[in-house]
Amino acid sequence: MRKHIFRKLTSILLTGAMLTGLASTLPATAETAPDEYHDDWLHVENAQVVDMYGNPVWMTGCNWFGYNVGSQVFDGVWSRNMHECLNEIADHGFNLLRVPMSVELLLQWKNGDPDPMIKVNEYKNPELTIEGVEGGTPMYSFDIWNKAVEWCRENGIKIMIDIHCAETASAGHQVNLWYTDKFSTEDWLEALEWVADYYKDDDTIIAIDLKNEPHGTADTAPDFAKWDDSTDPNNWKYAAERGAAAVLGANPNLLVMVEGTEVYPKFEEGNDWTSPNIDYSRYPYSYYHHTWWGGNFRGVKDLPLENIGENNSQLVYSPHDYGPLVYNQTWFDKDFTSETLMEDVWYDNWFYLVDQNIAPLLMGEWGGFIDAEHDEDGKNTKWMTYLRDLMIENHIHHTFWCFNENSGDTGGLVYDNFEKWDEEKYALVEPALWQDEDGKFISLDHKIPVGKNGISLSDYYGSSSGTPTPTEPASAGTEPPATEQPASGTASAICGDVDESGDVQMVDMIALNKYLMIGAPLSEQGKRNADVNANGEIEPDDGLNILRYVIELIPSLPV
């Protein structure tokens, strides 16, 4: 199930005690056993995002920008207390926070470079000063960020870091690619690897979005993002696989969010990536299938991403979708419905990935104005409602854009200098937040509820210990079934008892791996016991499930 959680531990066992045939005890490090910092990693099984026990989860969050635009902190902290804002986000039920950042900022933190600018109200945020008093000296921005991580952890909020742009700038997201003349692809990879490594022992940060909204067309060549099988510098597929390798090499437990491109050539009409964007006699977009920046995954049909974790176990595709108030796309010209949106833009660009059970989706950005002043004809509200309902029906993960009030083309969840919540907009979003049948918001943390109105993941799955089985959530108070003991003088027929000692211990995993690696002998009964997955084969997954049972990550093995 969760092979990569134990990659380092397995390596220790295989190269040490296993090859000598001696029993080994687990190293007493945080990395080798689940605790409040290590039991919330997520992964993908059967095109679903699940927790480490195989239980499906639903990531329903929001965006809060600022670190990407030069503030060196969340926008709004110039007028509000940051801790209070995070408390409110949690209390309103958002279990994931997508945080836009830049390559430049991450490398600044990595290298310990000075803050070029800091925008913190020292009277509103005494906790963010060196002295810890009102009006004190602001902390270094990386220290402030780590306070945000701490407070998210306390609130049951998980974090997705979004590489929004290469250079820190308010218009940085306008740049088509993940590199510029100041920051190269290698700089981007360095930043990804560093941040993944820095937080590898803290499951508060559960995901990285490799790059926000790759886009562009051949009219801007060579500065546009394409999706093909080349190793060209602007091939986003190739870059995304390299970026994922950098992330997962440092922390194999992180989810990797990969956005799409803006366009995909109409190959069926003889076009290719060198075709211009517009034929003005057939305006618009006659040479390409076109959609929102980062929202085009047509290339995945023929050229899917590969090796994003074991069997793509960490891959989530992440489109963006917006309404007519951001840009009046052609599909909004008609009296559109959910059916016409599906036919004109959603299905072929990204929904097919869910519908055909190819991969999970996280809608990384969606949102907009719904007030009468901005949305006079109600079209934006109609679009938001259709998309919201589609995500609810299909449990598409999402992070709403945005918490900030200072997003010019969408507005935010708050207004009046970040002081008040837009209750009308929140009422539209709230049904799409993960809740139980009693309306309690569900955390992605196994122990910590999300805010004052939520429950933990273990509460939801009915286990006080946080160890429900992968196939069926355990009821509260349920005891794992007793392991059958063999009769005296008979061969053990206990699942997982590879050495036939009468119980399942670490030495059974060692014996199984010795059999796989060097052909060490096993009896016929030992081989049957070693086939933990009951698929007729002895394979590494069998040994890792024994390991999970021994260190109490799962309550039982099949009997």
Protein backbone atom coordinates (compact mmCIF):
# COMPACT_ATOMS: atom_id res chain seq x y z
CA MET A 1 0.00 0.00 0.00
CA ARG A 2 2.35 2.71 1.24
CA LYS A 3 5.75 1.51 0.19
CA HIS A 4 7.54 4.82 0.04
CA ILE A 5 6.78 5.81 3.64
CA PHE A 6 9.31 3.25 4.72
CA ARG A 7 11.91 3.56 1.98
CA LYS A 8 14.67 4.64 4.34
CA LEU A 9 13.70 2.11 6.99
CA THR A 10 13.56 -0.71 4.45
CA SER A 11 16.98 0.28 3.15
CA ILE A 12 18.40 0.06 6.67
CA LEU A 13 16.88 -3.36 7.22
CA LEU A 14 17.93 -4.76 3.86
CA THR A 15 21.52 -3.61 4.03
CA GLY A 16 22.00 -4.39 7.71
CA ALA A 17 20.21 -6.93 9.82
CA MET A 18 18.36 -8.62 6.96
CA LEU A 19 21.47 -9.72 5.15
CA THR A 20 23.01 -11.06 8.34
CA GLY A 21 19.84 -12.94 9.25
CA LEU A 22 19.58 -11.19 12.62
CA ALA A 23 16.45 -9.62 14.07
CA SER A 24 16.45 -5.83 14.11
CA THR A 25 14.70 -3.27 16.20
CA LEU A 26 13.31 -0.09 14.64
CA PRO A 27 15.52 2.96 14.85
CA ALA A 28 14.16 5.35 17.45
CA THR A 29 13.63 8.26 15.09
CA ALA A 30 10.53 10.24 14.21
CA GLU A 31 10.82 9.18 10.60
CA THR A 32 10.20 5.49 11.29
CA ALA A 33 6.87 5.60 13.10
CA PRO A 34 3.71 7.61 12.67
CA ASP A 35 3.08 10.41 15.14
CA GLU A 36 1.45 13.81 15.02
CA TYR A 37 4.06 14.96 12.49
CA HIS A 38 4.21 11.83 10.36
CA ASP A 39 0.82 10.14 10.09
CA ASP A 40 -1.00 12.49 7.73
CA TRP A 41 0.87 11.95 4.45
CA LEU A 42 -1.45 11.35 1.51
CA HIS A 43 -1.07 9.31 -1.64
CA VAL A 44 -3.04 8.16 -4.68
CA GLU A 45 -4.69 4.76 -5.11
CA ASN A 46 -7.10 3.92 -7.91
CA ALA A 47 -7.29 7.58 -8.96
CA GLN A 48 -8.29 8.61 -5.43
CA VAL A 49 -6.34 10.57 -2.84
CA VAL A 50 -6.24 8.53 0.36
CA ASP A 51 -4.57 8.68 3.73
CA MET A 52 -1.90 6.22 4.83
CA TYR A 53 -4.60 3.72 5.85
CA GLY A 54 -6.31 3.81 2.47
CA ASN A 55 -9.23 6.01 3.53
CA PRO A 56 -10.39 8.53 0.89
CA VAL A 57 -9.97 12.19 1.80
CA TRP A 58 -11.28 15.41 0.31
CA MET A 59 -8.98 18.42 0.20
CA THR A 60 -11.19 21.54 0.29
CA GLY A 61 -9.20 24.68 0.88
CA CYS A 62 -8.48 28.24 -0.17
CA ASN A 63 -5.60 30.40 -1.38
CA TRP A 64 -3.92 33.20 0.57
CA PHE A 65 -1.32 35.09 -1.45
CA GLY A 66 1.33 37.63 -0.50
CA TYR A 67 4.59 35.73 -0.34
CA ASN A 68 4.76 35.76 -4.13
CA VAL A 69 4.26 39.49 -4.61
CA GLY A 70 7.03 41.01 -2.49
CA SER A 71 5.31 41.50 0.85
CA GLN A 72 7.46 38.70 2.32
CA VAL A 73 4.33 37.72 4.26
CA PHE A 74 0.63 37.04 3.66
CA ASP A 75 -1.16 40.09 2.32
CA GLY A 76 -3.40 41.67 4.95
CA VAL A 77 -0.98 41.19 7.82
CA TRP A 78 -0.35 44.90 7.46
CA SER A 79 -3.77 45.39 9.10
CA ARG A 80 -4.83 42.08 10.71
CA ASN A 81 -3.37 39.63 13.17
CA MET A 82 -2.06 36.67 11.15
CA HIS A 83 -2.88 34.12 13.82
CA GLU A 84 -6.48 35.34 14.02
CA CYS A 85 -6.85 35.08 10.25
CA LEU A 86 -5.61 31.48 10.25
CA ASN A 87 -7.97 30.68 13.10
CA GLU A 88 -10.86 32.09 11.06
CA ILE A 89 -9.89 30.12 7.94
CA ALA A 90 -9.92 26.94 10.02
CA ASP A 91 -13.15 27.82 11.82
CA HIS A 92 -14.82 28.32 8.44
CA GLY A 93 -13.84 24.75 7.52
CA PHE A 94 -11.01 25.08 5.00
CA ASN A 95 -8.71 22.10 5.57
CA LEU A 96 -5.99 23.06 3.06
CA LEU A 97 -4.20 26.36 2.45
CA ARG A 98 -2.57 26.92 -0.94
CA VAL A 99 0.22 29.47 -0.52
CA PRO A 100 1.71 31.12 -3.63
CA MET A 101 5.47 31.67 -3.41
CA SER A 102 8.33 32.41 -5.79
CA VAL A 103 11.55 30.64 -6.65
CA GLU A 104 13.33 33.84 -5.70
CA LEU A 105 11.82 33.83 -2.20
CA LEU A 106 12.61 30.17 -1.52
CA LEU A 107 16.22 30.62 -2.58
CA GLN A 108 16.41 33.76 -0.43
CA TRP A 109 15.33 31.67 2.56
CA LYS A 110 17.63 28.80 1.63
CA ASN A 111 20.64 31.12 1.42
CA GLY A 112 19.68 33.30 4.39
CA ASP A 113 19.65 36.45 2.25
CA PRO A 114 18.25 39.69 3.71
CA ASP A 115 14.56 40.54 3.41
CA PRO A 116 14.21 43.16 0.68
CA MET A 117 10.89 44.26 2.18
CA ILE A 118 8.58 43.32 5.03
CA LYS A 119 4.97 44.41 5.47
CA VAL A 120 3.86 43.45 8.97
CA ASN A 121 1.80 45.61 11.31
CA GLU A 122 3.92 45.24 14.44
CA TYR A 123 1.08 46.47 16.66
CA LYS A 124 -1.45 44.00 15.31
CA ASN A 125 1.12 41.15 15.28
CA PRO A 126 3.33 41.33 18.39
CA GLU A 127 3.99 37.57 18.02
CA LEU A 128 5.79 38.32 14.76
CA THR A 129 8.36 40.63 16.32
CA ILE A 130 11.76 39.72 17.71
CA GLU A 131 10.90 41.25 21.08
CA GLY A 132 7.40 39.77 21.14
CA VAL A 133 5.83 43.13 21.98
CA GLU A 134 3.60 45.63 20.20
CA GLY A 135 5.63 47.79 17.87
CA GLY A 136 8.68 45.56 18.05
CA THR A 137 11.13 44.66 15.29
CA PRO A 138 9.62 42.33 12.68
CA MET A 139 11.06 38.83 12.50
CA TYR A 140 12.84 37.60 9.40
CA SER A 141 10.23 36.54 6.84
CA PHE A 142 11.21 32.86 7.01
CA ASP A 143 10.66 32.88 10.77
CA ILE A 144 7.26 34.49 10.22
CA TRP A 145 6.44 31.79 7.68
CA ASN A 146 7.33 29.08 10.15
CA LYS A 147 4.98 30.69 12.69
CA ALA A 148 2.26 30.35 10.05
CA VAL A 149 3.15 26.66 9.62
CA GLU A 150 2.95 26.20 13.39
CA TRP A 151 -0.44 27.90 13.63
CA CYS A 152 -1.81 25.95 10.67
CA ARG A 153 -0.72 22.76 12.42
CA GLU A 154 -2.51 23.79 15.61
CA ASN A 155 -5.66 24.52 13.60
CA GLY A 156 -5.70 21.25 11.66
CA ILE A 157 -4.95 23.06 8.38
CA LYS A 158 -2.60 21.40 5.90
CA ILE A 159 -0.50 23.45 3.48
CA MET A 160 0.23 23.26 -0.24
CA ILE A 161 3.16 25.38 -1.39
CA ASP A 162 2.53 26.78 -4.86
CA ILE A 163 5.47 27.89 -7.00
CA HIS A 164 3.53 30.81 -8.41
CA CYS A 165 6.35 32.51 -10.29
CA ALA A 166 10.10 32.57 -10.72
CA GLU A 167 10.65 36.17 -9.64
CA THR A 168 8.96 37.79 -6.68
CA ALA A 169 6.61 40.32 -8.25
CA SER A 170 2.94 41.25 -8.25
CA ALA A 171 2.80 40.40 -11.96
CA GLY A 172 5.11 37.40 -11.71
CA HIS A 173 2.28 35.02 -12.60
CA GLN A 174 2.01 36.71 -16.00
CA VAL A 175 5.31 35.12 -17.04
CA ASN A 176 4.59 32.04 -19.14
CA LEU A 177 7.18 29.64 -17.79
CA TRP A 178 8.90 28.42 -14.65
CA TYR A 179 12.15 30.16 -15.59
CA THR A 180 13.26 33.66 -16.61
CA ASP A 181 16.55 35.25 -17.56
CA LYS A 182 17.20 35.75 -13.82
CA PHE A 183 16.13 32.36 -12.49
CA SER A 184 16.79 29.22 -14.51
CA THR A 185 15.16 25.81 -14.56
CA GLU A 186 18.04 24.63 -12.37
CA ASP A 187 17.20 27.36 -9.85
CA TRP A 188 13.59 26.20 -9.87
CA LEU A 189 14.67 22.59 -9.25
CA GLU A 190 16.97 23.72 -6.44
CA ALA A 191 14.15 25.63 -4.76
CA LEU A 192 11.78 22.65 -5.06
CA GLU A 193 14.30 20.23 -3.63
CA TRP A 194 15.22 22.54 -0.75
CA VAL A 195 11.68 23.25 0.44
CA ALA A 196 10.67 19.58 0.13
CA ASP A 197 13.71 18.54 2.14
CA TYR A 198 13.31 21.25 4.78
CA TYR A 199 9.79 20.08 5.73
CA LYS A 200 10.24 16.36 5.11
CA ASP A 201 9.54 15.56 8.78
CA ASP A 202 6.45 17.75 9.09
CA ASP A 203 3.23 16.61 7.45
CA THR A 204 1.66 20.04 7.91
CA ILE A 205 2.99 20.66 4.40
CA ILE A 206 1.48 17.83 2.36
CA ALA A 207 1.76 19.04 -1.24
CA ILE A 208 3.71 21.16 -3.70
CA ASP A 209 2.21 22.73 -6.83
CA LEU A 210 5.19 22.70 -9.18
CA LYS A 211 4.26 25.79 -11.19
CA ASN A 212 1.27 28.07 -11.39
CA GLU A 213 -0.42 28.40 -14.78
CA PRO A 214 2.12 27.51 -17.48
CA HIS A 215 0.80 29.20 -20.61
CA GLY A 216 1.51 30.87 -23.93
CA THR A 217 1.28 30.08 -27.64
CA ALA A 218 3.62 29.87 -30.60
CA ASP A 219 3.02 33.56 -31.30
CA THR A 220 5.23 34.20 -28.26
CA ALA A 221 7.79 31.53 -29.22
CA PRO A 222 9.98 30.32 -27.74
CA ASP A 223 8.41 31.65 -24.56
CA PHE A 224 5.36 29.40 -24.24
CA ALA A 225 4.53 26.20 -22.40
CA LYS A 226 3.91 23.09 -24.49
CA TRP A 227 3.22 19.42 -23.69
CA ASP A 228 5.02 16.92 -25.90
CA ASP A 229 7.63 14.15 -25.75
CA SER A 230 10.66 16.37 -26.32
CA THR A 231 13.33 17.58 -23.90
CA ASP A 232 12.95 21.16 -25.11
CA PRO A 233 13.41 23.76 -22.36
CA ASN A 234 9.79 24.93 -22.65
CA ASN A 235 8.25 21.44 -22.63
CA TRP A 236 6.16 21.52 -19.46
CA LYS A 237 5.68 17.73 -19.37
CA TYR A 238 9.43 17.17 -19.33
CA ALA A 239 9.99 19.93 -16.78
CA ALA A 240 7.18 18.66 -14.53
CA GLU A 241 8.71 15.19 -14.42
CA ARG A 242 12.06 16.73 -13.46
CA GLY A 243 10.40 18.92 -10.85
CA ALA A 244 8.55 15.97 -9.37
CA ALA A 245 11.80 14.01 -9.17
CA ALA A 246 13.42 16.88 -7.26
CA VAL A 247 10.51 17.03 -4.81
CA LEU A 248 10.08 13.30 -4.26
CA GLY A 249 13.80 12.68 -4.05
CA ALA A 250 13.78 14.89 -0.97
CA ASN A 251 10.41 13.80 0.44
CA PRO A 252 8.67 10.85 -1.26
CA ASN A 253 5.53 11.45 0.80
CA LEU A 254 4.50 14.78 -0.73
CA LEU A 255 1.64 15.07 -3.18
CA VAL A 256 2.83 16.67 -6.41
CA MET A 257 0.32 18.96 -8.07
CA VAL A 258 0.87 19.41 -11.80
CA GLU A 259 -1.03 22.03 -13.77
CA GLY A 260 -1.64 21.91 -17.51
CA THR A 261 -0.91 24.32 -20.33
CA GLU A 262 -3.05 27.00 -21.96
CA VAL A 263 -3.36 25.46 -25.43
CA TYR A 264 -3.03 22.17 -27.26
CA PRO A 265 -2.66 22.00 -31.07
CA LYS A 266 -5.51 20.77 -33.23
CA PHE A 267 -3.41 17.94 -34.58
CA GLU A 268 -6.53 16.52 -36.21
CA GLU A 269 -6.50 19.54 -38.56
CA GLY A 270 -2.80 19.27 -39.37
CA ASN A 271 -1.59 21.84 -36.84
CA ASP A 272 1.31 21.48 -34.42
CA TRP A 273 3.17 23.41 -31.74
CA THR A 274 4.67 25.75 -34.35
CA SER A 275 1.25 26.93 -35.54
CA PRO A 276 0.29 30.52 -34.76
CA ASN A 277 -2.45 31.12 -32.24
CA ILE A 278 -4.94 33.12 -34.28
CA ASP A 279 -6.26 33.11 -37.82
CA TYR A 280 -8.05 36.43 -37.91
CA SER A 281 -10.37 35.19 -40.64
CA ARG A 282 -11.62 32.57 -38.16
CA TYR A 283 -11.09 34.36 -34.86
CA PRO A 284 -10.46 33.14 -32.22
CA TYR A 285 -7.99 30.32 -31.56
CA SER A 286 -8.40 28.42 -34.79
CA TYR A 287 -5.16 26.42 -34.50
CA TYR A 288 -5.39 25.35 -30.88
CA HIS A 289 -7.75 23.89 -28.35
CA HIS A 290 -7.76 26.74 -25.90
CA THR A 291 -8.71 27.19 -22.25
CA TRP A 292 -7.57 28.95 -19.08
CA TRP A 293 -3.89 29.18 -18.25
CA GLY A 294 -2.80 25.88 -16.70
CA GLY A 295 -6.18 24.26 -17.44
CA ASN A 296 -5.42 22.22 -20.57
CA PHE A 297 -4.65 18.52 -20.03
CA ARG A 298 -5.45 17.22 -23.51
CA GLY A 299 -1.85 16.13 -23.87
CA VAL A 300 -2.16 13.73 -20.94
CA LYS A 301 -4.30 11.36 -23.04
CA ASP A 302 -1.36 10.41 -25.23
CA LEU A 303 1.53 11.57 -23.07
CA PRO A 304 0.74 11.08 -19.37
CA LEU A 305 3.24 12.01 -16.72
CA GLU A 306 5.32 9.11 -15.45
CA ASN A 307 7.19 8.12 -12.29
CA ILE A 308 5.54 10.65 -10.00
CA GLY A 309 6.04 8.38 -7.03
CA GLU A 310 5.64 4.64 -7.26
CA ASN A 311 2.96 3.95 -9.87
CA ASN A 312 2.25 7.70 -9.90
CA SER A 313 1.20 7.40 -6.26
CA GLN A 314 1.88 11.09 -5.56
CA LEU A 315 0.46 12.68 -8.73
CA VAL A 316 -2.56 14.98 -8.74
CA TYR A 317 -3.43 17.03 -11.83
CA SER A 318 -4.49 20.58 -10.98
CA PRO A 319 -6.45 22.70 -13.48
CA HIS A 320 -7.70 26.25 -12.93
CA ASP A 321 -11.10 27.50 -14.05
CA TYR A 322 -12.69 30.93 -13.95
CA GLY A 323 -15.84 32.76 -14.95
CA PRO A 324 -16.68 35.55 -17.38
CA LEU A 325 -15.66 38.35 -15.01
CA VAL A 326 -12.03 37.23 -15.25
CA TYR A 327 -12.23 36.93 -19.05
CA ASN A 328 -15.26 36.47 -21.25
CA GLN A 329 -14.26 33.25 -22.97
CA THR A 330 -16.25 32.14 -26.02
CA TRP A 331 -18.13 29.46 -24.06
CA PHE A 332 -19.78 32.21 -22.01
CA ASP A 333 -21.24 33.95 -25.09
CA LYS A 334 -24.26 31.66 -25.17
CA ASP A 335 -26.83 31.12 -22.43
CA PHE A 336 -24.50 28.53 -20.97
CA THR A 337 -25.51 25.62 -18.77
CA SER A 338 -23.52 23.00 -16.89
CA GLU A 339 -24.02 20.74 -19.91
CA THR A 340 -22.65 23.26 -22.41
CA LEU A 341 -19.68 24.02 -20.14
CA MET A 342 -18.94 20.32 -19.94
CA GLU A 343 -19.13 19.97 -23.71
CA ASP A 344 -17.34 23.18 -24.63
CA VAL A 345 -14.50 23.27 -22.12
CA TRP A 346 -14.52 21.05 -19.04
CA TYR A 347 -14.64 17.47 -20.30
CA ASP A 348 -11.90 17.36 -22.93
CA ASN A 349 -9.59 19.68 -21.04
CA TRP A 350 -9.65 18.04 -17.59
CA PHE A 351 -12.86 16.33 -16.45
CA TYR A 352 -12.13 13.21 -18.51
CA LEU A 353 -9.29 12.46 -16.09
CA VAL A 354 -11.83 11.93 -13.31
CA ASP A 355 -14.58 10.47 -15.46
CA GLN A 356 -12.25 7.83 -16.90
CA ASN A 357 -10.62 7.11 -13.53
CA ILE A 358 -7.20 8.18 -14.79
CA ALA A 359 -6.08 10.49 -11.98
CA PRO A 360 -7.44 12.69 -9.23
CA LEU A 361 -7.94 16.41 -9.77
CA LEU A 362 -7.49 19.42 -7.53
CA MET A 363 -9.05 22.62 -8.86
CA GLY A 364 -6.23 24.88 -7.73
CA GLU A 365 -8.03 28.15 -8.44
CA TRP A 366 -11.71 28.97 -8.87
CA GLY A 367 -13.67 31.92 -7.59
CA GLY A 368 -14.92 35.37 -8.40
CA PHE A 369 -17.32 38.16 -7.61
CA ILE A 370 -20.97 37.33 -7.00
CA ASP A 371 -22.25 40.67 -5.71
CA ALA A 372 -24.72 42.69 -7.75
CA GLU A 373 -22.26 45.54 -8.29
CA HIS A 374 -19.76 43.34 -10.12
CA ASP A 375 -21.95 40.49 -11.39
CA GLU A 376 -24.92 42.48 -12.59
CA ASP A 377 -26.25 39.79 -14.95
CA GLY A 378 -25.48 36.91 -12.56
CA LYS A 379 -23.41 34.98 -15.11
CA ASN A 380 -20.35 34.72 -12.87
CA THR A 381 -22.45 33.42 -9.98
CA LYS A 382 -24.10 30.89 -12.30
CA TRP A 383 -20.70 29.62 -13.48
CA MET A 384 -19.42 29.34 -9.90
CA THR A 385 -22.50 27.41 -8.83
CA TYR A 386 -22.21 24.95 -11.73
CA LEU A 387 -18.53 24.31 -11.02
CA ARG A 388 -19.09 24.01 -7.28
CA ASP A 389 -21.84 21.43 -7.79
CA LEU A 390 -19.67 19.45 -10.21
CA MET A 391 -16.86 19.34 -7.64
CA ILE A 392 -19.24 18.26 -4.88
CA GLU A 393 -20.78 15.50 -7.00
CA ASN A 394 -17.37 14.12 -8.03
CA HIS A 395 -15.41 15.00 -4.89
CA ILE A 396 -12.94 17.01 -6.91
CA HIS A 397 -10.39 18.54 -4.56
CA HIS A 398 -10.14 22.32 -4.69
CA THR A 399 -8.63 25.48 -3.23
CA PHE A 400 -10.83 28.55 -3.62
CA TRP A 401 -9.35 31.78 -4.95
CA CYS A 402 -9.05 33.44 -2.57
CA PHE A 403 -8.97 34.58 1.06
CA ASN A 404 -7.48 37.96 0.08
CA GLU A 405 -9.78 40.87 -0.57
CA ASN A 406 -7.16 42.47 -2.84
CA SER A 407 -7.54 40.15 -5.82
CA GLY A 408 -8.66 42.65 -8.42
CA ASP A 409 -10.61 40.38 -10.78
CA THR A 410 -12.19 38.05 -8.20
CA GLY A 411 -12.39 39.71 -4.80
CA GLY A 412 -11.99 37.46 -1.79
CA LEU A 413 -13.63 35.78 1.15
CA VAL A 414 -12.97 38.85 3.30
CA TYR A 415 -13.31 42.60 2.85
CA ASP A 416 -13.05 45.86 4.79
CA ASN A 417 -9.27 45.66 5.18
CA PHE A 418 -9.41 41.89 5.79
CA GLU A 419 -11.67 42.42 8.82
CA LYS A 420 -15.04 41.01 7.66
CA TRP A 421 -16.12 37.82 5.92
CA ASP A 422 -18.25 38.02 2.79
CA GLU A 423 -21.04 35.82 4.11
CA GLU A 424 -22.84 35.64 0.75
CA LYS A 425 -19.76 34.33 -1.03
CA TYR A 426 -18.91 31.99 1.83
CA ALA A 427 -22.46 30.60 1.70
CA LEU A 428 -21.85 29.66 -1.94
CA VAL A 429 -18.52 27.97 -1.16
CA GLU A 430 -19.42 26.29 2.13
CA PRO A 431 -21.39 23.32 0.68
CA ALA A 432 -18.19 22.32 -1.19
CA LEU A 433 -16.18 21.98 2.05
CA TRP A 434 -15.66 18.48 3.46
CA GLN A 435 -18.23 17.88 6.19
CA ASP A 436 -19.84 14.94 7.94
CA GLU A 437 -23.59 14.37 8.09
CA ASP A 438 -23.81 16.66 11.14
CA GLY A 439 -22.12 19.53 9.33
CA LYS A 440 -18.79 19.16 11.15
CA PHE A 441 -15.84 20.13 8.98
CA ILE A 442 -13.35 17.31 8.50
CA SER A 443 -9.63 17.83 8.96
CA LEU A 444 -6.88 16.14 6.96
CA ASP A 445 -5.11 15.58 10.29
CA HIS A 446 -5.70 12.32 12.14
CA LYS A 447 -5.61 13.96 15.55
CA ILE A 448 -6.36 17.67 15.25
CA PRO A 449 -9.81 18.95 14.24
CA VAL A 450 -9.99 21.73 11.68
CA GLY A 451 -10.87 24.80 13.72
CA LYS A 452 -13.47 25.02 16.46
CA ASN A 453 -16.24 23.64 14.23
CA GLY A 454 -14.46 20.53 12.97
CA ILE A 455 -13.41 16.99 13.69
CA SER A 456 -10.23 15.05 13.04
CA LEU A 457 -9.80 12.46 10.31
CA SER A 458 -9.73 9.68 12.91
CA ASP A 459 -12.95 11.01 14.42
CA TYR A 460 -14.58 10.85 11.01
CA TYR A 461 -13.45 7.30 10.30
CA GLY A 462 -14.55 6.14 13.71
CA SER A 463 -11.22 5.19 15.23
CA SER A 464 -9.84 6.64 18.41
CA SER A 465 -6.45 5.14 17.57
CA GLY A 466 -6.29 6.49 14.03
CA THR A 467 -5.70 3.05 12.51
CA PRO A 468 -8.76 2.03 10.49
CA THR A 469 -8.15 -0.72 7.98
CA PRO A 470 -7.64 0.23 4.34
CA THR A 471 -10.82 -1.48 3.16
CA GLU A 472 -13.31 -0.61 5.87
CA PRO A 473 -13.19 2.06 8.59
CA ALA A 474 -13.01 0.50 12.03
CA SER A 475 -15.69 1.38 14.56
CA ALA A 476 -14.72 3.16 17.75
CA GLY A 477 -13.56 0.66 20.33
CA THR A 478 -13.15 -2.18 17.82
CA GLU A 479 -10.33 -4.54 18.69
CA PRO A 480 -8.22 -6.04 15.89
CA PRO A 481 -8.86 -9.75 15.38
CA ALA A 482 -6.63 -12.07 17.37
CA THR A 483 -3.88 -13.77 15.39
CA GLU A 484 -4.54 -17.49 15.13
CA GLN A 485 -1.93 -19.65 16.89
CA PRO A 486 -0.91 -23.01 15.43
CA ALA A 487 -1.49 -26.25 17.23
CA SER A 488 1.53 -27.67 19.01
CA GLY A 489 3.81 -29.59 16.66
CA THR A 490 2.14 -28.36 13.46
CA ALA A 491 3.33 -25.95 10.79
CA SER A 492 2.16 -22.39 11.25
CA ALA A 493 -0.53 -21.28 8.80
CA ILE A 494 -0.61 -17.67 9.93
CA CYS A 495 -0.61 -14.97 7.30
CA GLY A 496 2.72 -13.15 7.49
CA ASP A 497 4.46 -15.78 9.63
CA VAL A 498 7.17 -16.44 7.06
CA ASP A 499 9.54 -18.28 9.44
CA GLU A 500 6.66 -20.34 10.97
CA SER A 501 7.48 -19.32 14.52
CA GLY A 502 3.83 -18.99 15.50
CA ASP A 503 3.57 -15.21 15.37
CA VAL A 504 4.40 -12.30 13.06
CA GLN A 505 7.53 -10.32 13.86
CA MET A 506 10.11 -8.16 12.12
CA VAL A 507 12.18 -11.27 11.35
CA ASP A 508 9.38 -12.42 9.04
CA MET A 509 9.82 -9.37 6.81
CA ILE A 510 13.58 -9.98 6.87
CA ALA A 511 13.11 -13.63 5.85
CA LEU A 512 10.77 -12.62 3.04
CA ASN A 513 13.21 -10.03 1.69
CA LYS A 514 16.13 -12.47 1.89
CA TYR A 515 14.04 -14.86 -0.21
CA LEU A 516 13.41 -12.15 -2.80
CA MET A 517 16.94 -10.75 -2.88
CA ILE A 518 19.26 -13.69 -2.53
CA GLY A 519 17.00 -16.72 -2.92
CA ALA A 520 17.18 -17.78 0.74
CA PRO A 521 15.07 -20.93 1.21
CA LEU A 522 11.47 -20.90 2.49
CA SER A 523 9.26 -23.89 3.18
CA GLU A 524 6.11 -24.30 1.14
CA GLN A 525 4.03 -23.20 4.13
CA GLY A 526 6.37 -20.25 4.66
CA LYS A 527 5.82 -19.20 1.06
CA ARG A 528 2.05 -19.42 1.49
CA ASN A 529 2.30 -17.32 4.66
CA ALA A 530 4.50 -14.80 2.82
CA ASP A 531 1.81 -14.10 0.21
CA VAL A 532 0.20 -11.48 2.41
CA ASN A 533 -1.65 -9.83 -0.48
CA ALA A 534 -3.10 -13.22 -1.53
CA ASN A 535 -2.37 -12.65 -5.22
CA GLY A 536 -0.37 -15.82 -5.76
CA GLU A 537 3.00 -14.08 -5.75
CA ILE A 538 5.60 -13.11 -3.16
CA GLU A 539 6.61 -9.50 -3.71
CA PRO A 540 8.04 -6.50 -1.83
CA ASP A 541 4.55 -5.23 -1.02
CA ASP A 542 4.00 -8.35 1.10
CA GLY A 543 7.05 -7.53 3.21
CA LEU A 544 6.05 -3.93 3.62
CA ASN A 545 2.56 -4.91 4.77
CA ILE A 546 4.18 -7.16 7.39
CA LEU A 547 6.25 -4.16 8.46
CA ARG A 548 3.14 -1.99 8.70
CA TYR A 549 1.47 -4.61 10.89
CA VAL A 550 4.47 -5.05 13.17
CA ILE A 551 4.79 -1.33 13.87
CA GLU A 552 1.00 -1.08 14.27
CA LEU A 553 0.11 1.00 11.25
CA ILE A 554 -2.58 -1.54 10.37
CA PRO A 555 -4.44 -3.59 12.98
CA SER A 556 -4.27 -6.98 11.28
CA LEU A 557 -3.18 -9.04 8.29
CA PRO A 558 -5.57 -11.31 6.38
CA VAL A 559 -6.08 -14.66 8.08
